C-alpha atoms as a PDB file:
ATOM      1  CA  MET A   1      25.270  68.672  84.816  1.00  0.00           C
ATOM      2  CA  LYS A   2      27.044  67.021  87.755  1.00  0.00           C
ATOM      3  CA  GLU A   3      25.191  69.285  90.214  1.00  0.00           C
ATOM      4  CA  VAL A   4      21.868  68.583  88.506  1.00  0.00           C
ATOM      5  CA  ASN A   5      22.398  64.809  88.747  1.00  0.00           C
ATOM      6  CA  LYS A   6      23.276  65.136  92.441  1.00  0.00           C
ATOM      7  CA  LEU A   7      20.176  67.208  92.937  1.00  0.00           C
ATOM      8  CA  LYS A   8      17.939  64.674  91.187  1.00  0.00           C
ATOM      9  CA  HIS A   9      19.286  61.855  93.364  1.00  0.00           C
ATOM     10  CA  ALA A  10      18.929  63.820  96.599  1.00  0.00           C
ATOM     11  CA  LEU A  11      15.381  64.930  95.884  1.00  0.00           C
ATOM     12  CA  SER A  12      13.990  61.422  95.527  1.00  0.00           C
ATOM     13  CA  GLY A  13      11.609  60.701  98.375  1.00  0.00           C
ATOM     14  CA  ILE A  14      11.169  64.339  99.469  1.00  0.00           C
ATOM     15  CA  HIS A  15       7.550  65.489  99.561  1.00  0.00           C
ATOM     16  CA  LEU A  16       6.497  69.117  99.792  1.00  0.00           C
ATOM     17  CA  SER A  17       3.381  70.903 100.926  1.00  0.00           C
ATOM     18  CA  LYS A  18       1.323  72.986  98.459  1.00  0.00           C
ATOM     19  CA  LYS A  19       2.721  76.151 100.042  1.00  0.00           C
ATOM     20  CA  GLU A  20       6.320  74.998  99.618  1.00  0.00           C
ATOM     21  CA  LYS A  21       5.704  74.060  95.978  1.00  0.00           C
ATOM     22  CA  ALA A  22       4.148  77.462  95.280  1.00  0.00           C
ATOM     23  CA  GLU A  23       7.090  79.247  96.926  1.00  0.00           C
ATOM     24  CA  GLY A  24       9.502  77.119  94.929  1.00  0.00           C
ATOM     25  CA  ARG A  25       7.798  77.901  91.612  1.00  0.00           C
ATOM     26  CA  HIS A  26       7.832  81.605  92.457  1.00  0.00           C
ATOM     27  CA  ALA A  27      11.571  81.519  93.253  1.00  0.00           C
ATOM     28  CA  PHE A  28      12.323  79.605  90.060  1.00  0.00           C
ATOM     29  CA  ILE A  29      10.366  82.003  87.836  1.00  0.00           C
ATOM     30  CA  LYS A  30      12.092  84.947  89.501  1.00  0.00           C
ATOM     31  CA  PHE A  31      15.465  83.303  88.862  1.00  0.00           C
ATOM     32  CA  MET A  32      14.656  82.689  85.177  1.00  0.00           C
ATOM     33  CA  LYS A  33      13.610  86.315  84.641  1.00  0.00           C
ATOM     34  CA  LYS A  34      16.738  87.628  86.338  1.00  0.00           C
ATOM     35  CA  ASN A  35      18.999  85.423  84.176  1.00  0.00           C
ATOM     36  CA  SER A  36      17.306  85.801  80.809  1.00  0.00           C
ATOM     37  CA  LEU A  37      19.204  84.934  77.615  1.00  0.00           C
ATOM     38  CA  PRO A  38      19.777  87.232  74.605  1.00  0.00           C
ATOM     39  CA  LYS A  39      17.009  87.319  71.986  1.00  0.00           C
ATOM     40  CA  GLU A  40      19.147  85.460  69.448  1.00  0.00           C
ATOM     41  CA  ALA A  41      19.231  82.466  71.773  1.00  0.00           C
ATOM     42  CA  GLY A  42      15.856  81.365  70.507  1.00  0.00           C
ATOM     43  CA  SER A  43      12.382  81.252  71.960  1.00  0.00           C
ATOM     44  CA  GLY A  44      10.496  78.727  74.010  1.00  0.00           C
ATOM     45  CA  PHE A  45      11.175  77.264  77.433  1.00  0.00           C
ATOM     46  CA  PHE A  46      12.974  74.114  76.273  1.00  0.00           C
ATOM     47  CA  SER A  47      15.209  76.018  73.852  1.00  0.00           C
ATOM     48  CA  SER A  48      16.097  78.436  76.629  1.00  0.00           C
ATOM     49  CA  PHE A  49      16.667  75.623  79.125  1.00  0.00           C
ATOM     50  CA  TYR A  50      18.890  73.678  76.717  1.00  0.00           C
ATOM     51  CA  LEU A  51      21.075  76.671  75.889  1.00  0.00           C
ATOM     52  CA  ARG A  52      21.479  77.533  79.551  1.00  0.00           C
ATOM     53  CA  MET A  53      22.586  74.044  80.457  1.00  0.00           C
ATOM     54  CA  ARG A  54      25.257  74.073  77.730  1.00  0.00           C
ATOM     55  CA  ARG A  55      27.006  76.980  79.440  1.00  0.00           C
ATOM     56  CA  PRO A  56      28.900  75.872  82.617  1.00  0.00           C
ATOM     57  CA  VAL A  57      28.310  79.058  84.607  1.00  0.00           C
ATOM     58  CA  LEU A  58      24.605  79.166  83.850  1.00  0.00           C
ATOM     59  CA  ALA A  59      24.341  75.412  84.364  1.00  0.00           C
ATOM     60  CA  SER A  60      25.470  75.824  87.969  1.00  0.00           C
ATOM     61  CA  ALA A  61      23.121  78.742  88.498  1.00  0.00           C
ATOM     62  CA  MET A  62      20.332  76.742  86.905  1.00  0.00           C
ATOM     63  CA  ALA A  63      21.023  73.865  89.284  1.00  0.00           C
ATOM     64  CA  PHE A  64      20.595  76.209  92.225  1.00  0.00           C
ATOM     65  CA  GLY A  65      17.372  77.559  90.706  1.00  0.00           C
ATOM     66  CA  LEU A  66      16.080  74.013  90.340  1.00  0.00           C
ATOM     67  CA  LEU A  67      17.144  73.279  93.905  1.00  0.00           C
ATOM     68  CA  ILE A  68      15.052  76.117  95.302  1.00  0.00           C
ATOM     69  CA  ALA A  69      12.151  75.429  92.962  1.00  0.00           C
ATOM     70  CA  SER A  70      12.070  71.720  93.733  1.00  0.00           C
ATOM     71  CA  THR A  71      12.608  71.729  97.473  1.00  0.00           C
ATOM     72  CA  GLY A  72      11.070  74.990  98.659  1.00  0.00           C
ATOM     73  CA  GLY A  73      11.730  75.228 102.396  1.00  0.00           C
ATOM     74  CA  VAL A  74      13.627  71.925 102.565  1.00  0.00           C
ATOM     75  CA  ALA A  75      16.907  73.482 101.400  1.00  0.00           C
ATOM     76  CA  TYR A  76      16.566  76.220 103.988  1.00  0.00           C
ATOM     77  CA  ALA A  77      15.545  73.775 106.714  1.00  0.00           C
ATOM     78  CA  SER A  78      18.677  71.729 106.070  1.00  0.00           C
ATOM     79  CA  GLU A  79      20.884  74.706 106.980  1.00  0.00           C
ATOM     80  CA  SER A  80      20.441  74.033 110.704  1.00  0.00           C
ATOM     81  CA  SER A  81      20.926  70.260 110.417  1.00  0.00           C
ATOM     82  CA  LEU A  82      23.837  68.537 112.170  1.00  0.00           C
ATOM     83  CA  PRO A  83      25.694  65.252 111.552  1.00  0.00           C
ATOM     84  CA  GLY A  84      23.252  62.450 112.287  1.00  0.00           C
ATOM     85  CA  ASP A  85      20.209  64.484 111.215  1.00  0.00           C
ATOM     86  CA  PHE A  86      18.107  63.351 108.252  1.00  0.00           C
ATOM     87  CA  LEU A  87      18.875  66.444 106.151  1.00  0.00           C
ATOM     88  CA  TYR A  88      22.590  66.744 106.899  1.00  0.00           C
ATOM     89  CA  SER A  89      23.803  64.845 103.838  1.00  0.00           C
ATOM     90  CA  PHE A  90      21.423  66.896 101.713  1.00  0.00           C
ATOM     91  CA  LYS A  91      22.970  70.047 103.171  1.00  0.00           C
ATOM     92  CA  VAL A  92      26.648  69.198 102.632  1.00  0.00           C
ATOM     93  CA  ASP A  93      26.393  67.064  99.468  1.00  0.00           C
ATOM     94  CA  VAL A  94      23.793  69.069  97.555  1.00  0.00           C
ATOM     95  CA  VAL A  95      23.013  72.535  98.903  1.00  0.00           C
ATOM     96  CA  GLU A  96      26.597  73.506  99.760  1.00  0.00           C
ATOM     97  CA  GLU A  97      28.000  71.882  96.628  1.00  0.00           C
ATOM     98  CA  VAL A  98      25.648  73.880  94.422  1.00  0.00           C
ATOM     99  CA  GLN A  99      26.430  77.047  96.369  1.00  0.00           C
ATOM    100  CA  GLY A 100      30.108  76.389  95.748  1.00  0.00           C
ATOM    101  CA  ALA A 101      29.472  75.896  92.031  1.00  0.00           C
ATOM    102  CA  LEU A 102      28.016  79.401  91.930  1.00  0.00           C
ATOM    103  CA  ARG A 103      31.396  80.858  92.894  1.00  0.00           C
ATOM    104  CA  PHE A 104      33.132  81.257  89.584  1.00  0.00           C
ATOM    105  CA  THR A 105      36.790  81.973  90.453  1.00  0.00           C
ATOM    106  CA  PRO A 106      39.391  79.913  92.354  1.00  0.00           C
ATOM    107  CA  GLU A 107      39.619  82.696  94.941  1.00  0.00           C
ATOM    108  CA  ARG A 108      35.890  82.742  95.645  1.00  0.00           C
ATOM    109  CA  LYS A 109      35.708  78.941  95.697  1.00  0.00           C
ATOM    110  CA  ALA A 110      38.602  78.807  98.182  1.00  0.00           C
ATOM    111  CA  GLU A 111      36.829  81.346 100.396  1.00  0.00           C
ATOM    112  CA  TRP A 112      33.784  79.072 100.357  1.00  0.00           C
ATOM    113  CA  ASP A 113      35.948  76.089 101.368  1.00  0.00           C
ATOM    114  CA  ALA A 114      37.236  78.094 104.342  1.00  0.00           C
ATOM    115  CA  GLU A 115      33.689  79.040 105.300  1.00  0.00           C
ATOM    116  CA  ARG A 116      32.591  75.411 105.079  1.00  0.00           C
ATOM    117  CA  MET A 117      35.431  74.387 107.420  1.00  0.00           C
ATOM    118  CA  GLN A 118      34.234  77.002 109.909  1.00  0.00           C
ATOM    119  CA  ARG A 119      30.729  75.565 109.601  1.00  0.00           C
ATOM    120  CA  ARG A 120      32.006  72.096 110.463  1.00  0.00           C
ATOM    121  CA  PHE A 121      33.856  73.422 113.534  1.00  0.00           C
ATOM    122  CA  LYS A 122      30.671  75.162 114.656  1.00  0.00           C
ATOM    123  CA  GLU A 123      28.665  71.958 114.158  1.00  0.00           C
ATOM    124  CA  ALA A 124      31.163  70.078 116.326  1.00  0.00           C
ATOM    125  CA  GLU A 125      30.703  72.650 119.101  1.00  0.00           C
ATOM    126  CA  GLN A 126      26.921  72.423 118.824  1.00  0.00           C
ATOM    127  CA  LEU A 127      26.984  68.635 119.056  1.00  0.00           C
ATOM    128  CA  LYS A 128      29.344  68.834 122.016  1.00  0.00           C
ATOM    129  CA  ASP A 129      27.021  71.262 123.816  1.00  0.00           C
ATOM    130  CA  GLN A 130      24.090  68.907 123.148  1.00  0.00           C
ATOM    131  CA  GLY A 131      26.003  65.856 124.344  1.00  0.00           C
ATOM    132  CA  LYS A 132      25.695  64.234 120.906  1.00  0.00           C
ATOM    133  CA  LEU A 133      29.319  64.319 119.776  1.00  0.00           C
ATOM    134  CA  ASN A 134      29.932  60.602 119.277  1.00  0.00           C
ATOM    135  CA  SER A 135      32.459  58.639 117.241  1.00  0.00           C
ATOM    136  CA  GLU A 136      30.193  58.574 114.178  1.00  0.00           C
ATOM    137  CA  SER A 137      29.625  62.340 114.100  1.00  0.00           C
ATOM    138  CA  LYS A 138      33.327  62.975 114.751  1.00  0.00           C
ATOM    139  CA  SER A 139      34.231  60.757 111.812  1.00  0.00           C
ATOM    140  CA  LYS A 140      31.798  62.578 109.515  1.00  0.00           C
ATOM    141  CA  ILE A 141      33.025  66.022 110.560  1.00  0.00           C
ATOM    142  CA  LYS A 142      36.692  65.035 110.156  1.00  0.00           C
ATOM    143  CA  GLU A 143      35.911  63.631 106.711  1.00  0.00           C
ATOM    144  CA  GLU A 144      34.164  66.836 105.615  1.00  0.00           C
ATOM    145  CA  ILE A 145      36.897  69.098 107.013  1.00  0.00           C
ATOM    146  CA  GLU A 146      39.604  67.158 105.182  1.00  0.00           C
ATOM    147  CA  LYS A 147      37.573  67.371 101.973  1.00  0.00           C
ATOM    148  CA  HIS A 148      37.271  71.167 102.305  1.00  0.00           C
ATOM    149  CA  LYS A 149      40.996  71.472 103.045  1.00  0.00           C
ATOM    150  CA  GLN A 150      41.972  69.496  99.944  1.00  0.00           C
ATOM    151  CA  SER A 151      39.547  71.507  97.835  1.00  0.00           C
ATOM    152  CA  PHE A 152      41.066  74.749  99.166  1.00  0.00           C
ATOM    153  CA  GLU A 153      44.565  73.562  98.277  1.00  0.00           C
ATOM    154  CA  GLY A 154      43.407  72.684  94.763  1.00  0.00           C
ATOM    155  CA  HIS A 155      41.995  76.168  94.255  1.00  0.00           C
ATOM    156  CA  MET A 156      45.249  77.693  95.518  1.00  0.00           C
ATOM    157  CA  GLU A 157      47.087  75.717  92.840  1.00  0.00           C
ATOM    158  CA  ASP A 158      44.646  77.020  90.212  1.00  0.00           C
ATOM    159  CA  LEU A 159      45.165  80.566  91.478  1.00  0.00           C
ATOM    160  CA  THR A 160      48.953  80.181  91.217  1.00  0.00           C
ATOM    161  CA  ASN A 161      48.682  78.768  87.695  1.00  0.00           C
ATOM    162  CA  LYS A 162      46.677  81.828  86.704  1.00  0.00           C
ATOM    163  CA  GLY A 163      49.506  84.128  87.710  1.00  0.00           C
ATOM    164  CA  LYS A 164      48.165  85.053  91.148  1.00  0.00           C
ATOM    165  CA  ALA A 165      50.766  83.353  93.306  1.00  0.00           C
ATOM    166  CA  GLU A 166      51.000  86.330  95.663  1.00  0.00           C
ATOM    167  CA  ARG A 167      47.271  86.233  96.367  1.00  0.00           C
ATOM    168  CA  ALA A 168      47.461  82.460  96.854  1.00  0.00           C
ATOM    169  CA  ASP A 169      50.201  82.951  99.465  1.00  0.00           C
ATOM    170  CA  GLU A 170      48.075  85.553 101.269  1.00  0.00           C
ATOM    171  CA  MET A 171      45.065  83.241 101.332  1.00  0.00           C
ATOM    172  CA  GLU A 172      47.127  80.308 102.610  1.00  0.00           C
ATOM    173  CA  ILE A 173      48.360  82.477 105.503  1.00  0.00           C
ATOM    174  CA  GLU A 174      44.744  83.458 106.273  1.00  0.00           C
ATOM    175  CA  PHE A 175      43.758  79.771 106.047  1.00  0.00           C
ATOM    176  CA  GLU A 176      46.478  78.591 108.443  1.00  0.00           C
ATOM    177  CA  PRO A 177      44.413  79.101 111.670  1.00  0.00           C
ATOM    178  CA  LEU A 178      41.770  76.733 110.280  1.00  0.00           C
ATOM    179  CA  VAL A 179      44.422  74.093 109.596  1.00  0.00           C
ATOM    180  CA  GLU A 180      45.717  74.513 113.140  1.00  0.00           C
ATOM    181  CA  GLN A 181      42.184  74.145 114.476  1.00  0.00           C
ATOM    182  CA  GLN A 182      41.792  70.978 112.413  1.00  0.00           C
ATOM    183  CA  GLU A 183      44.994  69.561 113.918  1.00  0.00           C
ATOM    184  CA  ARG A 184      43.824  70.404 117.445  1.00  0.00           C
ATOM    185  CA  LEU A 185      40.537  68.606 116.831  1.00  0.00           C
ATOM    186  CA  GLN A 186      42.317  65.547 115.469  1.00  0.00           C
ATOM    187  CA  GLU A 187      44.536  65.448 118.539  1.00  0.00           C
ATOM    188  CA  GLU A 188      41.584  65.993 120.884  1.00  0.00           C
ATOM    189  CA  TRP A 189      39.506  63.313 119.168  1.00  0.00           C
ATOM    190  CA  LYS A 190      42.311  60.777 118.953  1.00  0.00           C
ATOM    191  CA  PRO A 191      41.162  57.514 120.582  1.00  0.00           C
ATOM    192  CA  LYS A 192      42.514  57.243 124.088  1.00  0.00           C
ATOM    193  CA  LEU A 193      44.271  53.989 124.886  1.00  0.00           C
ATOM    194  CA  GLU A 194      43.240  52.395 128.137  1.00  0.00           C
ATOM    195  CA  PRO A 195      46.175  51.331 130.346  1.00  0.00           C
ATOM    196  CA  THR A 196      46.776  47.601 130.014  1.00  0.00           C
ATOM    197  CA  GLU A 197      45.947  45.720 133.188  1.00  0.00           C
ATOM    198  CA  LEU A 198      48.811  43.696 134.538  1.00  0.00           C
ATOM    199  CA  ASN A 199      48.303  39.964 134.661  1.00  0.00           C
ATOM    200  CA  ILE A 200      49.863  39.052 137.988  1.00  0.00           C
ATOM    201  CA  GLU A 201      49.896  35.354 137.171  1.00  0.00           C
ATOM    202  CA  SER A 202      51.917  35.891 133.989  1.00  0.00           C
ATOM    203  CA  ILE A 203      54.766  37.652 135.779  1.00  0.00           C
ATOM    204  CA  ASP A 204      57.672  35.385 136.583  1.00  0.00           C
ATOM    205  CA  PRO A 205      58.513  35.402 140.290  1.00  0.00           C
ATOM    206  CA  VAL A 206      61.741  37.064 141.275  1.00  0.00           C
ATOM    207  CA  ILE A 207      64.182  34.405 142.483  1.00  0.00           C
ATOM    208  CA  GLU A 208      66.501  35.713 145.124  1.00  0.00           C
ATOM    209  CA  PRO A 209      70.004  34.243 145.050  1.00  0.00           C
ATOM    210  CA  LYS A 210      70.814  31.837 147.872  1.00  0.00           C
ATOM    211  CA  ILE A 211      73.754  32.752 150.054  1.00  0.00           C
ATOM    212  CA  LEU A 212      75.833  29.680 150.816  1.00  0.00           C
ATOM    213  CA  PRO A 213      77.368  29.376 154.287  1.00  0.00           C
ATOM    214  CA  GLN A 214      81.096  30.130 154.470  1.00  0.00           C
END
């Protein structure tokens, strides 16, 4: 339900063309047919919808189906957005979050966190090439990268608790280059301190000792 509420909030104010709405309805119907419930689940759209939403796995999948059905090409258009663009928050806070919810194991979720970190690094390079890498976009990218890193670490803990400590160790080793890249970015983006100008007037004059005649 959390993903659905995020989706509802993000969709407010988005208007679609007739073509986009038609494509969205087609994608949603296709999704419903592919994920049909057993016959004993009951009949009717609302009965089916209610039962789906009560199951966490199907709820996440349903959220993604609603995302495609409601936004049509908007979700796809957001994929190329960068920090500062109108659709960027929609991309990272809705589309990617729902995509992550569709990965149903700690291992798969952690892999998605690593992929999202790589996306943020790529976005930083794109902004740099375009001359648009400013303090605001740097702050947003650093914030997102740290969020993905913490999420990854949480999934590694889940993986260990499920008796897969060896796999967690392997994934952490594979993840290490991304952490190193994060540290390099933080060092590179650290604010540079300008050298303080000396105030000549504030410096006490050097008093040379007087030599008394013998």
